[in-house]
Amino acid sequence: MKDLGKILKLLELSTSQNDGEALNAVRKANEMRAKAGLEWKEVFEKLSGTPGSITEIIPPISPRRPQPKFHTVNTMLDEILNRSLSDVHRARMEEIKYSYELLDSLSGKEINALINTFNGNIS
């Protein structure tokens, strides 16, 4: 592939202090690689001249772990109130929800009650 040298030069440009230039270089290198129908592993193997040797240097790519789900006070309260709770716990959570809607904040005790209930640590 004649574009390997160009891809290598583009990858070298990706170290530029100019973020726009570095990003454009990476995007152009990706575009050229994709047009050639190659994976990055294959590009590096062709550049090294030794098929299979690149896997000794670069570990196999594992799939990305999903991002953790962030819970807000509202999402926690909604989930809790959809659960089967005792009358006492439901009343407490509804009180916390009302307080939060009214004041847009919670006390330390209310936060603890909310988190414990959300995590299932209710007594």
N, C-alpha and C. Protein backbone atom coordinates (compact mmCIF):
# COMPACT_ATOMS: atom_id res chain seq x y z
N MET A 1 0.86 -1.18 0.00
CA MET A 1 0.00 0.00 0.00
C MET A 1 0.89 1.23 0.00
N LYS A 2 0.70 2.10 -1.00
CA LYS A 2 1.55 3.27 -1.16
C LYS A 2 1.27 4.35 -0.11
N ASP A 3 0.10 4.31 0.53
CA ASP A 3 -0.26 5.36 1.49
C ASP A 3 0.29 5.12 2.88
N LEU A 4 1.00 4.01 3.11
CA LEU A 4 1.52 3.74 4.45
C LEU A 4 2.45 4.84 4.93
N GLY A 5 3.29 5.34 4.03
CA GLY A 5 4.20 6.43 4.41
C GLY A 5 3.43 7.69 4.80
N LYS A 6 2.34 7.97 4.05
CA LYS A 6 1.51 9.14 4.36
C LYS A 6 0.82 8.97 5.71
N ILE A 7 0.33 7.75 5.97
CA ILE A 7 -0.33 7.48 7.25
C ILE A 7 0.66 7.68 8.39
N LEU A 8 1.88 7.21 8.21
CA LEU A 8 2.91 7.36 9.24
C LEU A 8 3.21 8.84 9.49
N LYS A 9 3.31 9.62 8.42
CA LYS A 9 3.56 11.07 8.57
C LYS A 9 2.39 11.73 9.31
N LEU A 10 1.17 11.32 8.98
CA LEU A 10 0.00 11.88 9.66
C LEU A 10 0.02 11.53 11.15
N LEU A 11 0.41 10.30 11.46
CA LEU A 11 0.47 9.91 12.87
C LEU A 11 1.54 10.71 13.60
N GLU A 12 2.62 11.03 12.92
CA GLU A 12 3.65 11.88 13.54
C GLU A 12 3.11 13.28 13.79
N LEU A 13 2.27 13.79 12.87
CA LEU A 13 1.64 15.10 13.05
C LEU A 13 0.69 15.12 14.24
N SER A 14 0.21 13.95 14.64
CA SER A 14 -0.75 13.89 15.75
C SER A 14 -0.12 14.30 17.08
N THR A 15 1.20 14.45 17.12
CA THR A 15 1.87 14.90 18.35
C THR A 15 1.97 16.42 18.43
N SER A 16 1.41 17.10 17.44
CA SER A 16 1.47 18.57 17.39
C SER A 16 0.86 19.18 18.66
N GLN A 17 1.42 20.30 19.08
CA GLN A 17 0.86 21.04 20.22
C GLN A 17 -0.45 21.72 19.84
N ASN A 18 -0.67 21.89 18.54
CA ASN A 18 -1.90 22.49 18.05
C ASN A 18 -2.96 21.39 18.00
N ASP A 19 -3.94 21.47 18.90
CA ASP A 19 -4.95 20.43 19.01
C ASP A 19 -5.72 20.19 17.71
N GLY A 20 -6.05 21.25 17.01
CA GLY A 20 -6.77 21.12 15.76
C GLY A 20 -5.96 20.37 14.71
N GLU A 21 -4.67 20.70 14.62
CA GLU A 21 -3.80 20.02 13.67
C GLU A 21 -3.65 18.55 14.02
N ALA A 22 -3.47 18.25 15.32
CA ALA A 22 -3.31 16.86 15.75
C ALA A 22 -4.58 16.07 15.47
N LEU A 23 -5.74 16.64 15.79
CA LEU A 23 -7.00 15.94 15.56
C LEU A 23 -7.24 15.70 14.07
N ASN A 24 -6.96 16.70 13.24
CA ASN A 24 -7.13 16.54 11.80
C ASN A 24 -6.21 15.46 11.26
N ALA A 25 -4.99 15.39 11.77
CA ALA A 25 -4.04 14.37 11.32
C ALA A 25 -4.55 12.97 11.65
N VAL A 26 -5.08 12.79 12.85
CA VAL A 26 -5.61 11.48 13.25
C VAL A 26 -6.81 11.12 12.40
N ARG A 27 -7.69 12.09 12.18
CA ARG A 27 -8.87 11.81 11.37
C ARG A 27 -8.50 11.44 9.93
N LYS A 28 -7.54 12.17 9.36
CA LYS A 28 -7.11 11.87 7.99
C LYS A 28 -6.45 10.49 7.93
N ALA A 29 -5.64 10.15 8.92
CA ALA A 29 -5.01 8.82 8.95
C ALA A 29 -6.08 7.74 9.04
N ASN A 30 -7.09 7.95 9.87
CA ASN A 30 -8.20 6.99 9.98
C ASN A 30 -8.95 6.85 8.65
N GLU A 31 -9.15 7.98 7.99
CA GLU A 31 -9.84 7.96 6.70
C GLU A 31 -9.05 7.15 5.67
N MET A 32 -7.73 7.38 5.61
CA MET A 32 -6.89 6.65 4.66
C MET A 32 -6.85 5.16 4.98
N ARG A 33 -6.77 4.81 6.26
CA ARG A 33 -6.76 3.41 6.68
C ARG A 33 -8.06 2.73 6.29
N ALA A 34 -9.18 3.42 6.54
CA ALA A 34 -10.49 2.85 6.22
C ALA A 34 -10.65 2.65 4.72
N LYS A 35 -10.19 3.63 3.92
CA LYS A 35 -10.28 3.51 2.46
C LYS A 35 -9.49 2.31 1.96
N ALA A 36 -8.38 2.02 2.64
CA ALA A 36 -7.57 0.87 2.25
C ALA A 36 -8.16 -0.45 2.73
N GLY A 37 -9.21 -0.36 3.57
CA GLY A 37 -9.86 -1.57 4.09
C GLY A 37 -9.01 -2.30 5.11
N LEU A 38 -8.21 -1.55 5.86
CA LEU A 38 -7.31 -2.16 6.84
C LEU A 38 -7.70 -1.78 8.26
N GLU A 39 -7.36 -2.65 9.20
CA GLU A 39 -7.45 -2.33 10.61
C GLU A 39 -6.10 -1.74 11.01
N TRP A 40 -6.04 -1.02 12.14
CA TRP A 40 -4.77 -0.42 12.56
C TRP A 40 -3.71 -1.49 12.77
N LYS A 41 -4.11 -2.63 13.28
CA LYS A 41 -3.16 -3.72 13.49
C LYS A 41 -2.46 -4.08 12.18
N GLU A 42 -3.24 -4.15 11.10
CA GLU A 42 -2.68 -4.50 9.80
C GLU A 42 -1.76 -3.40 9.28
N VAL A 43 -2.12 -2.14 9.52
CA VAL A 43 -1.26 -1.03 9.10
C VAL A 43 0.09 -1.13 9.78
N PHE A 44 0.08 -1.36 11.10
CA PHE A 44 1.34 -1.43 11.84
C PHE A 44 2.15 -2.66 11.46
N GLU A 45 1.48 -3.75 11.16
CA GLU A 45 2.20 -4.94 10.70
C GLU A 45 2.88 -4.68 9.36
N LYS A 46 2.19 -3.98 8.46
CA LYS A 46 2.79 -3.65 7.16
C LYS A 46 3.96 -2.69 7.34
N LEU A 47 3.81 -1.73 8.27
CA LEU A 47 4.90 -0.78 8.52
C LEU A 47 6.11 -1.48 9.14
N SER A 48 5.87 -2.46 10.00
CA SER A 48 6.98 -3.16 10.64
C SER A 48 7.59 -4.21 9.73
N GLY A 49 6.83 -4.63 8.72
CA GLY A 49 7.32 -5.63 7.79
C GLY A 49 7.28 -7.05 8.32
N THR A 50 6.72 -7.24 9.52
CA THR A 50 6.66 -8.58 10.12
C THR A 50 5.24 -8.87 10.57
N PRO A 51 4.47 -9.58 9.75
CA PRO A 51 3.11 -9.91 10.15
C PRO A 51 3.08 -10.67 11.47
N GLY A 52 2.15 -10.30 12.32
CA GLY A 52 2.00 -10.98 13.60
C GLY A 52 2.86 -10.40 14.71
N SER A 53 3.94 -9.69 14.37
CA SER A 53 4.84 -9.18 15.41
C SER A 53 4.22 -8.06 16.21
N ILE A 54 3.30 -7.32 15.60
CA ILE A 54 2.71 -6.17 16.29
C ILE A 54 1.90 -6.61 17.51
N THR A 55 1.35 -7.82 17.49
CA THR A 55 0.56 -8.28 18.62
C THR A 55 1.43 -8.52 19.85
N GLU A 56 2.73 -8.64 19.65
CA GLU A 56 3.64 -8.77 20.79
C GLU A 56 3.86 -7.41 21.46
N ILE A 57 3.69 -6.34 20.69
CA ILE A 57 3.92 -4.99 21.20
C ILE A 57 2.64 -4.37 21.72
N ILE A 58 1.57 -4.51 20.94
CA ILE A 58 0.28 -3.92 21.29
C ILE A 58 -0.65 -5.01 21.79
N PRO A 59 -1.15 -4.88 23.01
CA PRO A 59 -2.08 -5.90 23.52
C PRO A 59 -3.39 -5.87 22.75
N PRO A 60 -4.12 -6.97 22.75
CA PRO A 60 -5.40 -6.99 22.05
C PRO A 60 -6.35 -5.96 22.67
N ILE A 61 -7.18 -5.40 21.83
CA ILE A 61 -8.12 -4.37 22.27
C ILE A 61 -9.33 -5.05 22.89
N SER A 62 -9.63 -4.67 24.11
CA SER A 62 -10.82 -5.21 24.76
C SER A 62 -11.94 -4.18 24.62
N PRO A 63 -13.17 -4.63 24.61
CA PRO A 63 -14.28 -3.69 24.46
C PRO A 63 -14.33 -2.73 25.65
N ARG A 64 -14.76 -1.53 25.38
CA ARG A 64 -14.87 -0.53 26.44
C ARG A 64 -15.96 -0.92 27.43
N ARG A 65 -15.66 -0.67 28.70
CA ARG A 65 -16.68 -0.91 29.71
C ARG A 65 -17.73 0.19 29.61
N PRO A 66 -18.97 -0.14 29.86
CA PRO A 66 -19.99 0.91 29.80
C PRO A 66 -19.75 1.95 30.89
N GLN A 67 -20.08 3.18 30.57
CA GLN A 67 -19.94 4.25 31.53
C GLN A 67 -20.89 4.01 32.70
N PRO A 68 -20.44 4.35 33.91
CA PRO A 68 -21.33 4.16 35.05
C PRO A 68 -22.56 5.07 34.92
N LYS A 69 -23.67 4.58 35.44
CA LYS A 69 -24.90 5.38 35.40
C LYS A 69 -24.90 6.32 36.60
N PHE A 70 -25.06 7.58 36.34
CA PHE A 70 -25.11 8.56 37.40
C PHE A 70 -26.57 8.80 37.80
N HIS A 71 -26.80 8.77 39.08
CA HIS A 71 -28.14 8.95 39.59
C HIS A 71 -28.28 10.34 40.19
N THR A 72 -29.37 10.98 39.89
CA THR A 72 -29.68 12.25 40.52
C THR A 72 -30.67 11.98 41.64
N VAL A 73 -30.90 12.98 42.45
CA VAL A 73 -31.88 12.83 43.53
C VAL A 73 -33.23 12.45 42.93
N ASN A 74 -33.60 13.10 41.84
CA ASN A 74 -34.91 12.81 41.22
C ASN A 74 -34.98 11.38 40.70
N THR A 75 -33.94 10.90 40.03
CA THR A 75 -34.00 9.53 39.50
C THR A 75 -34.00 8.52 40.63
N MET A 76 -33.28 8.80 41.70
CA MET A 76 -33.26 7.89 42.85
C MET A 76 -34.65 7.84 43.48
N LEU A 77 -35.25 9.00 43.70
CA LEU A 77 -36.58 9.04 44.31
C LEU A 77 -37.61 8.35 43.43
N ASP A 78 -37.55 8.60 42.12
CA ASP A 78 -38.50 7.95 41.21
C ASP A 78 -38.38 6.43 41.27
N GLU A 79 -37.13 5.95 41.27
CA GLU A 79 -36.93 4.50 41.33
C GLU A 79 -37.42 3.93 42.66
N ILE A 80 -37.11 4.60 43.75
CA ILE A 80 -37.53 4.13 45.08
C ILE A 80 -39.04 4.08 45.17
N LEU A 81 -39.71 5.14 44.71
CA LEU A 81 -41.16 5.21 44.84
C LEU A 81 -41.88 4.24 43.92
N ASN A 82 -41.17 3.64 42.97
CA ASN A 82 -41.76 2.60 42.13
C ASN A 82 -41.61 1.21 42.76
N ARG A 83 -40.90 1.15 43.87
CA ARG A 83 -40.69 -0.12 44.55
C ARG A 83 -41.82 -0.40 45.53
N SER A 84 -41.86 -1.62 45.98
CA SER A 84 -42.80 -2.00 47.02
C SER A 84 -42.15 -1.64 48.37
N LEU A 85 -42.70 -0.65 49.06
CA LEU A 85 -42.15 -0.19 50.34
C LEU A 85 -43.21 -0.29 51.42
N SER A 86 -42.75 -0.33 52.65
CA SER A 86 -43.70 -0.26 53.76
C SER A 86 -44.31 1.14 53.76
N ASP A 87 -45.44 1.28 54.40
CA ASP A 87 -46.11 2.58 54.45
C ASP A 87 -45.20 3.64 55.08
N VAL A 88 -44.44 3.24 56.11
CA VAL A 88 -43.55 4.19 56.80
C VAL A 88 -42.45 4.67 55.85
N HIS A 89 -41.80 3.74 55.13
CA HIS A 89 -40.73 4.13 54.21
C HIS A 89 -41.25 4.93 53.03
N ARG A 90 -42.42 4.55 52.52
CA ARG A 90 -42.99 5.31 51.40
C ARG A 90 -43.30 6.74 51.84
N ALA A 91 -43.88 6.89 53.03
CA ALA A 91 -44.20 8.22 53.54
C ALA A 91 -42.92 9.04 53.71
N ARG A 92 -41.85 8.40 54.22
CA ARG A 92 -40.57 9.11 54.41
C ARG A 92 -39.99 9.55 53.08
N MET A 93 -40.04 8.70 52.06
CA MET A 93 -39.50 9.05 50.74
C MET A 93 -40.34 10.13 50.07
N GLU A 94 -41.64 10.07 50.25
CA GLU A 94 -42.50 11.12 49.69
C GLU A 94 -42.24 12.45 50.40
N GLU A 95 -41.97 12.39 51.69
CA GLU A 95 -41.63 13.60 52.45
C GLU A 95 -40.30 14.19 51.94
N ILE A 96 -39.32 13.32 51.70
CA ILE A 96 -38.03 13.77 51.17
C ILE A 96 -38.20 14.37 49.78
N LYS A 97 -39.03 13.73 48.95
CA LYS A 97 -39.27 14.24 47.60
C LYS A 97 -39.92 15.62 47.66
N TYR A 98 -40.91 15.76 48.51
CA TYR A 98 -41.60 17.06 48.66
C TYR A 98 -40.61 18.12 49.14
N SER A 99 -39.81 17.76 50.12
CA SER A 99 -38.81 18.69 50.66
C SER A 99 -37.82 19.11 49.57
N TYR A 100 -37.38 18.15 48.77
CA TYR A 100 -36.42 18.45 47.72
C TYR A 100 -37.03 19.35 46.65
N GLU A 101 -38.28 19.07 46.28
CA GLU A 101 -38.96 19.90 45.28
C GLU A 101 -39.17 21.32 45.80
N LEU A 102 -39.42 21.45 47.08
CA LEU A 102 -39.68 22.75 47.68
C LEU A 102 -38.40 23.55 47.89
N LEU A 103 -37.37 22.91 48.45
CA LEU A 103 -36.15 23.63 48.84
C LEU A 103 -34.98 23.45 47.87
N ASP A 104 -35.07 22.49 46.97
CA ASP A 104 -34.00 22.17 46.03
C ASP A 104 -32.70 21.77 46.75
N SER A 105 -32.86 21.23 47.94
CA SER A 105 -31.71 20.71 48.69
C SER A 105 -32.22 19.73 49.73
N LEU A 106 -31.29 18.94 50.28
CA LEU A 106 -31.65 17.97 51.31
C LEU A 106 -30.69 18.11 52.48
N SER A 107 -31.16 17.75 53.65
CA SER A 107 -30.29 17.73 54.83
C SER A 107 -29.44 16.46 54.79
N GLY A 108 -28.45 16.39 55.64
CA GLY A 108 -27.60 15.21 55.73
C GLY A 108 -28.39 13.96 56.06
N LYS A 109 -29.35 14.08 56.98
CA LYS A 109 -30.18 12.92 57.35
C LYS A 109 -31.04 12.46 56.18
N GLU A 110 -31.57 13.43 55.43
CA GLU A 110 -32.39 13.08 54.27
C GLU A 110 -31.55 12.38 53.19
N ILE A 111 -30.34 12.88 52.97
CA ILE A 111 -29.44 12.26 51.99
C ILE A 111 -29.12 10.83 52.40
N ASN A 112 -28.79 10.64 53.68
CA ASN A 112 -28.50 9.29 54.17
C ASN A 112 -29.69 8.36 54.00
N ALA A 113 -30.89 8.84 54.34
CA ALA A 113 -32.09 8.02 54.19
C ALA A 113 -32.32 7.68 52.72
N LEU A 114 -32.11 8.65 51.84
CA LEU A 114 -32.30 8.43 50.40
C LEU A 114 -31.32 7.39 49.88
N ILE A 115 -30.04 7.56 50.20
CA ILE A 115 -29.02 6.62 49.69
C ILE A 115 -29.22 5.23 50.26
N ASN A 116 -29.48 5.14 51.55
CA ASN A 116 -29.69 3.83 52.16
C ASN A 116 -30.90 3.12 51.57
N THR A 117 -31.97 3.85 51.37
CA THR A 117 -33.16 3.25 50.77
C THR A 117 -32.90 2.85 49.33
N PHE A 118 -32.23 3.71 48.58
CA PHE A 118 -31.92 3.40 47.19
C PHE A 118 -31.07 2.13 47.08
N ASN A 119 -30.11 1.99 47.97
CA ASN A 119 -29.22 0.82 47.96
C ASN A 119 -29.83 -0.40 48.63
N GLY A 120 -31.05 -0.25 49.14
CA GLY A 120 -31.73 -1.38 49.76
C GLY A 120 -31.33 -1.63 51.21
N ASN A 121 -30.68 -0.65 51.82
CA ASN A 121 -30.23 -0.79 53.22
C ASN A 121 -31.23 -0.14 54.15
N ILE A 122 -32.46 -0.59 54.10
CA ILE A 122 -33.49 -0.03 54.97
C ILE A 122 -33.79 -1.01 56.09
N SER A 123 -34.06 -0.44 57.24
CA SER A 123 -34.34 -1.32 58.39
C SER A 123 -35.80 -1.28 58.77
